[in-house]
Amino acid sequence: MVTALLQNKRVLPVFVGVLAFAAAAFVVTFLGGGTTELLYAFGAGAVVTGVLVGVYLLGSRLGHPHSHAVAESAVVLGVLYLGLLVHRLLTEYGTFSTGEALFGIGGGLLLLLLFVGGLSLVGRATAPG
């Protein structure tokens, strides 16, 4: 019965959301965080969820297969994690301020997007047909 309930496309996202909400609350509470940290965790979770769902829906809308849309979301999750890790490393010992670190990370992402865009233009220009 539980398996049939979780196969329902309306129940599964709610179940996963409640599970993620409870897991975040447990981790913050277990690590000794207060209300402020709990709100930060819920806010960050909402932002990351919005980004991942948005990327998945955009990929699906553009006609990508389900597996490709999921993979695109996974890549975006990895980029978000890497950006947060770089930010933490740059600001941990006072080497850079938060603004400087975010400016540098944003500049790096912009250069990466320009590079990928340039590669796609070269690919289209040299494609046969």
N, C-alpha and C. Protein backbone atom coordinates (compact mmCIF):
# COMPACT_ATOMS: atom_id res chain seq x y z
N MET A 1 0.82 -1.19 0.00
CA MET A 1 0.00 0.00 0.00
C MET A 1 0.86 1.26 0.00
N VAL A 2 1.95 1.24 0.78
CA VAL A 2 2.83 2.41 0.82
C VAL A 2 3.45 2.64 -0.54
N THR A 3 3.84 1.58 -1.23
CA THR A 3 4.45 1.72 -2.54
C THR A 3 3.46 2.33 -3.53
N ALA A 4 2.22 1.89 -3.50
CA ALA A 4 1.21 2.44 -4.39
C ALA A 4 0.95 3.91 -4.08
N LEU A 5 1.01 4.26 -2.80
CA LEU A 5 0.80 5.65 -2.41
C LEU A 5 1.93 6.54 -2.92
N LEU A 6 3.16 6.04 -2.86
CA LEU A 6 4.30 6.84 -3.30
C LEU A 6 4.43 6.90 -4.81
N GLN A 7 3.72 6.05 -5.54
CA GLN A 7 3.75 6.12 -7.00
C GLN A 7 2.79 7.17 -7.52
N ASN A 8 1.94 7.70 -6.66
CA ASN A 8 1.03 8.76 -7.04
C ASN A 8 1.84 10.03 -7.27
N LYS A 9 1.70 10.65 -8.44
CA LYS A 9 2.52 11.81 -8.79
C LYS A 9 2.18 13.05 -7.98
N ARG A 10 1.08 13.06 -7.28
CA ARG A 10 0.74 14.19 -6.43
C ARG A 10 1.24 13.99 -5.00
N VAL A 11 1.36 12.75 -4.58
CA VAL A 11 1.75 12.46 -3.20
C VAL A 11 3.27 12.46 -3.06
N LEU A 12 3.99 11.95 -4.05
CA LEU A 12 5.43 11.80 -3.94
C LEU A 12 6.17 13.12 -3.69
N PRO A 13 5.90 14.20 -4.44
CA PRO A 13 6.62 15.45 -4.15
C PRO A 13 6.34 15.98 -2.74
N VAL A 14 5.12 15.84 -2.28
CA VAL A 14 4.79 16.29 -0.93
C VAL A 14 5.54 15.44 0.10
N PHE A 15 5.58 14.13 -0.13
CA PHE A 15 6.30 13.23 0.77
C PHE A 15 7.78 13.58 0.82
N VAL A 16 8.39 13.79 -0.34
CA VAL A 16 9.82 14.14 -0.39
C VAL A 16 10.06 15.49 0.27
N GLY A 17 9.17 16.45 0.06
CA GLY A 17 9.32 17.77 0.69
C GLY A 17 9.23 17.70 2.20
N VAL A 18 8.27 16.95 2.71
CA VAL A 18 8.14 16.80 4.17
C VAL A 18 9.36 16.08 4.73
N LEU A 19 9.84 15.07 4.02
CA LEU A 19 11.02 14.34 4.46
C LEU A 19 12.25 15.26 4.49
N ALA A 20 12.44 16.08 3.47
CA ALA A 20 13.57 17.02 3.43
C ALA A 20 13.45 18.06 4.54
N PHE A 21 12.24 18.55 4.76
CA PHE A 21 11.99 19.53 5.82
C PHE A 21 12.35 18.95 7.19
N ALA A 22 11.91 17.71 7.44
CA ALA A 22 12.19 17.05 8.72
C ALA A 22 13.68 16.75 8.86
N ALA A 23 14.33 16.35 7.77
CA ALA A 23 15.77 16.06 7.84
C ALA A 23 16.57 17.32 8.14
N ALA A 24 16.21 18.44 7.51
CA ALA A 24 16.91 19.69 7.78
C ALA A 24 16.70 20.12 9.22
N ALA A 25 15.48 20.00 9.72
CA ALA A 25 15.21 20.37 11.11
C ALA A 25 16.00 19.48 12.07
N PHE A 26 16.09 18.19 11.77
CA PHE A 26 16.84 17.27 12.63
C PHE A 26 18.33 17.62 12.64
N VAL A 27 18.90 17.86 11.47
CA VAL A 27 20.34 18.15 11.39
C VAL A 27 20.67 19.44 12.11
N VAL A 28 19.89 20.49 11.90
CA VAL A 28 20.16 21.77 12.57
C VAL A 28 20.02 21.62 14.07
N THR A 29 18.99 20.92 14.51
CA THR A 29 18.79 20.73 15.94
C THR A 29 19.89 19.86 16.54
N PHE A 30 20.28 18.81 15.83
CA PHE A 30 21.33 17.91 16.31
C PHE A 30 22.67 18.64 16.46
N LEU A 31 22.95 19.57 15.55
CA LEU A 31 24.20 20.32 15.60
C LEU A 31 24.14 21.50 16.56
N GLY A 32 23.03 21.68 17.24
CA GLY A 32 22.92 22.72 18.25
C GLY A 32 22.51 24.07 17.72
N GLY A 33 21.95 24.13 16.54
CA GLY A 33 21.53 25.40 15.96
C GLY A 33 20.24 25.89 16.59
N GLY A 34 20.06 27.19 16.53
CA GLY A 34 18.86 27.80 17.06
C GLY A 34 17.86 28.10 15.96
N THR A 35 16.94 28.98 16.29
CA THR A 35 15.88 29.34 15.34
C THR A 35 16.44 30.03 14.11
N THR A 36 17.43 30.88 14.29
CA THR A 36 18.01 31.59 13.15
C THR A 36 18.63 30.62 12.16
N GLU A 37 19.40 29.67 12.65
CA GLU A 37 20.02 28.69 11.77
C GLU A 37 18.98 27.82 11.09
N LEU A 38 17.91 27.51 11.83
CA LEU A 38 16.83 26.72 11.25
C LEU A 38 16.16 27.47 10.09
N LEU A 39 15.93 28.75 10.28
CA LEU A 39 15.34 29.56 9.21
C LEU A 39 16.29 29.68 8.02
N TYR A 40 17.60 29.83 8.28
CA TYR A 40 18.58 29.85 7.19
C TYR A 40 18.54 28.53 6.41
N ALA A 41 18.48 27.42 7.13
CA ALA A 41 18.45 26.11 6.46
C ALA A 41 17.21 25.96 5.60
N PHE A 42 16.05 26.37 6.12
CA PHE A 42 14.82 26.26 5.34
C PHE A 42 14.85 27.21 4.14
N GLY A 43 15.36 28.41 4.33
CA GLY A 43 15.45 29.37 3.22
C GLY A 43 16.39 28.89 2.13
N ALA A 44 17.56 28.40 2.54
CA ALA A 44 18.52 27.89 1.55
C ALA A 44 17.95 26.67 0.84
N GLY A 45 17.27 25.81 1.58
CA GLY A 45 16.65 24.64 0.96
C GLY A 45 15.59 25.03 -0.06
N ALA A 46 14.82 26.07 0.26
CA ALA A 46 13.79 26.53 -0.68
C ALA A 46 14.42 27.10 -1.95
N VAL A 47 15.50 27.86 -1.80
CA VAL A 47 16.17 28.44 -2.97
C VAL A 47 16.77 27.34 -3.84
N VAL A 48 17.48 26.41 -3.23
CA VAL A 48 18.09 25.32 -4.00
C VAL A 48 17.02 24.47 -4.68
N THR A 49 15.93 24.19 -3.98
CA THR A 49 14.84 23.42 -4.57
C THR A 49 14.24 24.17 -5.76
N GLY A 50 14.04 25.47 -5.61
CA GLY A 50 13.51 26.26 -6.71
C GLY A 50 14.41 26.24 -7.93
N VAL A 51 15.71 26.35 -7.70
CA VAL A 51 16.66 26.33 -8.82
C VAL A 51 16.65 24.96 -9.51
N LEU A 52 16.69 23.89 -8.72
CA LEU A 52 16.74 22.55 -9.31
C LEU A 52 15.45 22.21 -10.05
N VAL A 53 14.32 22.52 -9.46
CA VAL A 53 13.04 22.26 -10.14
C VAL A 53 12.93 23.11 -11.39
N GLY A 54 13.38 24.36 -11.32
CA GLY A 54 13.35 25.23 -12.49
C GLY A 54 14.20 24.70 -13.63
N VAL A 55 15.39 24.22 -13.31
CA VAL A 55 16.26 23.65 -14.34
C VAL A 55 15.63 22.40 -14.94
N TYR A 56 15.05 21.56 -14.09
CA TYR A 56 14.40 20.35 -14.60
C TYR A 56 13.22 20.70 -15.52
N LEU A 57 12.38 21.65 -15.08
CA LEU A 57 11.22 22.02 -15.89
C LEU A 57 11.65 22.68 -17.20
N LEU A 58 12.71 23.49 -17.16
CA LEU A 58 13.21 24.11 -18.38
C LEU A 58 13.72 23.05 -19.35
N GLY A 59 14.47 22.08 -18.83
CA GLY A 59 14.95 21.00 -19.69
C GLY A 59 13.81 20.19 -20.28
N SER A 60 12.80 19.91 -19.48
CA SER A 60 11.64 19.16 -19.98
C SER A 60 10.87 19.97 -21.02
N ARG A 61 10.74 21.26 -20.78
CA ARG A 61 10.00 22.11 -21.71
C ARG A 61 10.73 22.24 -23.05
N LEU A 62 12.07 22.17 -23.00
CA LEU A 62 12.85 22.26 -24.24
C LEU A 62 12.91 20.94 -24.99
N GLY A 63 12.23 19.92 -24.47
CA GLY A 63 12.14 18.65 -25.17
C GLY A 63 13.20 17.64 -24.80
N HIS A 64 13.97 17.90 -23.75
CA HIS A 64 14.98 16.93 -23.33
C HIS A 64 14.29 15.74 -22.68
N PRO A 65 14.85 14.55 -22.85
CA PRO A 65 14.29 13.39 -22.15
C PRO A 65 14.41 13.56 -20.63
N HIS A 66 13.62 12.79 -19.91
CA HIS A 66 13.60 12.88 -18.44
C HIS A 66 15.00 12.68 -17.86
N SER A 67 15.73 11.71 -18.38
CA SER A 67 17.07 11.43 -17.84
C SER A 67 18.01 12.61 -18.05
N HIS A 68 17.89 13.29 -19.17
CA HIS A 68 18.76 14.44 -19.43
C HIS A 68 18.38 15.62 -18.53
N ALA A 69 17.08 15.82 -18.32
CA ALA A 69 16.65 16.91 -17.45
C ALA A 69 17.11 16.67 -16.02
N VAL A 70 17.06 15.42 -15.57
CA VAL A 70 17.55 15.09 -14.23
C VAL A 70 19.05 15.30 -14.15
N ALA A 71 19.77 14.91 -15.20
CA ALA A 71 21.23 15.10 -15.22
C ALA A 71 21.59 16.58 -15.21
N GLU A 72 20.83 17.40 -15.92
CA GLU A 72 21.08 18.84 -15.91
C GLU A 72 20.88 19.41 -14.51
N SER A 73 19.85 18.94 -13.83
CA SER A 73 19.62 19.39 -12.45
C SER A 73 20.76 18.94 -11.54
N ALA A 74 21.26 17.73 -11.76
CA ALA A 74 22.38 17.24 -10.94
C ALA A 74 23.64 18.06 -11.17
N VAL A 75 23.88 18.45 -12.41
CA VAL A 75 25.04 19.28 -12.71
C VAL A 75 24.90 20.64 -12.03
N VAL A 76 23.71 21.22 -12.07
CA VAL A 76 23.49 22.51 -11.42
C VAL A 76 23.67 22.38 -9.91
N LEU A 77 23.22 21.28 -9.32
CA LEU A 77 23.43 21.06 -7.89
C LEU A 77 24.92 20.99 -7.58
N GLY A 78 25.70 20.33 -8.42
CA GLY A 78 27.14 20.27 -8.23
C GLY A 78 27.79 21.64 -8.34
N VAL A 79 27.34 22.45 -9.29
CA VAL A 79 27.88 23.80 -9.45
C VAL A 79 27.54 24.65 -8.23
N LEU A 80 26.31 24.54 -7.72
CA LEU A 80 25.94 25.27 -6.51
C LEU A 80 26.80 24.87 -5.33
N TYR A 81 27.01 23.57 -5.17
CA TYR A 81 27.83 23.08 -4.06
C TYR A 81 29.27 23.56 -4.20
N LEU A 82 29.81 23.49 -5.41
CA LEU A 82 31.18 23.95 -5.64
C LEU A 82 31.31 25.45 -5.37
N GLY A 83 30.31 26.23 -5.78
CA GLY A 83 30.34 27.66 -5.50
C GLY A 83 30.31 27.96 -4.02
N LEU A 84 29.48 27.24 -3.27
CA LEU A 84 29.44 27.43 -1.82
C LEU A 84 30.75 27.02 -1.16
N LEU A 85 31.34 25.95 -1.65
CA LEU A 85 32.61 25.49 -1.10
C LEU A 85 33.72 26.51 -1.36
N VAL A 86 33.79 27.03 -2.57
CA VAL A 86 34.79 28.05 -2.90
C VAL A 86 34.57 29.29 -2.06
N HIS A 87 33.32 29.71 -1.89
CA HIS A 87 33.02 30.88 -1.06
C HIS A 87 33.50 30.66 0.36
N ARG A 88 33.22 29.50 0.89
CA ARG A 88 33.64 29.18 2.27
C ARG A 88 35.16 29.21 2.40
N LEU A 89 35.85 28.63 1.44
CA LEU A 89 37.31 28.61 1.50
C LEU A 89 37.91 30.01 1.35
N LEU A 90 37.30 30.85 0.52
CA LEU A 90 37.84 32.20 0.32
C LEU A 90 37.59 33.11 1.52
N THR A 91 36.51 32.88 2.25
CA THR A 91 36.17 33.79 3.35
C THR A 91 36.48 33.22 4.72
N GLU A 92 36.91 31.99 4.81
CA GLU A 92 37.09 31.33 6.11
C GLU A 92 38.10 32.05 7.00
N TYR A 93 39.22 32.42 6.46
CA TYR A 93 40.28 33.00 7.27
C TYR A 93 40.44 34.50 7.02
N GLY A 94 39.40 35.14 6.52
CA GLY A 94 39.43 36.58 6.33
C GLY A 94 40.25 37.03 5.14
N THR A 95 40.55 36.11 4.23
CA THR A 95 41.35 36.46 3.06
C THR A 95 40.58 37.42 2.17
N PHE A 96 39.32 37.13 1.94
CA PHE A 96 38.46 37.98 1.12
C PHE A 96 37.17 38.24 1.88
N SER A 97 36.56 39.38 1.59
CA SER A 97 35.24 39.65 2.16
C SER A 97 34.20 38.87 1.37
N THR A 98 33.00 38.82 1.89
CA THR A 98 31.93 38.10 1.19
C THR A 98 31.67 38.71 -0.17
N GLY A 99 31.66 40.04 -0.25
CA GLY A 99 31.43 40.70 -1.53
C GLY A 99 32.50 40.38 -2.55
N GLU A 100 33.77 40.40 -2.13
CA GLU A 100 34.86 40.08 -3.04
C GLU A 100 34.77 38.63 -3.52
N ALA A 101 34.46 37.73 -2.60
CA ALA A 101 34.36 36.32 -2.97
C ALA A 101 33.21 36.11 -3.95
N LEU A 102 32.05 36.72 -3.68
CA LEU A 102 30.91 36.56 -4.59
C LEU A 102 31.18 37.18 -5.95
N PHE A 103 31.88 38.31 -5.96
CA PHE A 103 32.24 38.95 -7.23
C PHE A 103 33.16 38.05 -8.04
N GLY A 104 34.14 37.45 -7.38
CA GLY A 104 35.05 36.54 -8.07
C GLY A 104 34.36 35.29 -8.59
N ILE A 105 33.50 34.71 -7.76
CA ILE A 105 32.77 33.51 -8.18
C ILE A 105 31.84 33.84 -9.34
N GLY A 106 31.15 34.98 -9.25
CA GLY A 106 30.27 35.40 -10.34
C GLY A 106 31.03 35.64 -11.63
N GLY A 107 32.20 36.27 -11.52
CA GLY A 107 33.03 36.49 -12.70
C GLY A 107 33.48 35.18 -13.32
N GLY A 108 33.86 34.22 -12.48
CA GLY A 108 34.26 32.91 -12.99
C GLY A 108 33.11 32.20 -13.69
N LEU A 109 31.91 32.28 -13.12
CA LEU A 109 30.74 31.66 -13.76
C LEU A 109 30.41 32.35 -15.08
N LEU A 110 30.54 33.67 -15.13
CA LEU A 110 30.28 34.39 -16.37
C LEU A 110 31.28 33.97 -17.45
N LEU A 111 32.55 33.86 -17.09
CA LEU A 111 33.55 33.40 -18.06
C LEU A 111 33.25 31.98 -18.53
N LEU A 112 32.82 31.12 -17.62
CA LEU A 112 32.47 29.75 -17.99
C LEU A 112 31.29 29.74 -18.97
N LEU A 113 30.27 30.55 -18.69
CA LEU A 113 29.12 30.62 -19.59
C LEU A 113 29.51 31.15 -20.97
N LEU A 114 30.38 32.16 -21.00
CA LEU A 114 30.85 32.68 -22.28
C LEU A 114 31.64 31.63 -23.05
N PHE A 115 32.46 30.86 -22.34
CA PHE A 115 33.24 29.80 -22.98
C PHE A 115 32.32 28.73 -23.56
N VAL A 116 31.35 28.28 -22.78
CA VAL A 116 30.41 27.26 -23.26
C VAL A 116 29.59 27.80 -24.42
N GLY A 117 29.15 29.06 -24.33
CA GLY A 117 28.41 29.66 -25.44
C GLY A 117 29.25 29.75 -26.70
N GLY A 118 30.51 30.11 -26.54
CA GLY A 118 31.41 30.16 -27.69
C GLY A 118 31.60 28.79 -28.32
N LEU A 119 31.75 27.77 -27.49
CA LEU A 119 31.88 26.41 -28.02
C LEU A 119 30.62 25.98 -28.77
N SER A 120 29.46 26.35 -28.26
CA SER A 120 28.23 25.97 -28.95
C SER A 120 28.09 26.70 -30.28
N LEU A 121 28.54 27.96 -30.33
CA LEU A 121 28.49 28.69 -31.60
C LEU A 121 29.45 28.08 -32.62
N VAL A 122 30.64 27.70 -32.17
CA VAL A 122 31.59 27.04 -33.07
C VAL A 122 31.02 25.71 -33.54
N GLY A 123 30.38 24.98 -32.65
CA GLY A 123 29.78 23.71 -33.03
C GLY A 123 28.69 23.87 -34.07
N ARG A 124 27.86 24.90 -33.91
CA ARG A 124 26.79 25.14 -34.89
C ARG A 124 27.36 25.59 -36.23
N ALA A 125 28.42 26.42 -36.17
CA ALA A 125 28.99 26.94 -37.41
C ALA A 125 29.69 25.85 -38.21
N THR A 126 30.25 24.86 -37.53
CA THR A 126 31.00 23.82 -38.24
C THR A 126 30.19 22.54 -38.44
N ALA A 127 28.94 22.52 -38.01
CA ALA A 127 28.12 21.31 -38.16
C ALA A 127 27.73 21.13 -39.62
N PRO A 128 27.75 19.91 -40.10
CA PRO A 128 27.34 19.68 -41.49
C PRO A 128 25.84 19.88 -41.65
N GLY A 129 25.46 20.33 -42.83
CA GLY A 129 24.04 20.43 -43.15
C GLY A 129 23.51 21.74 -42.93
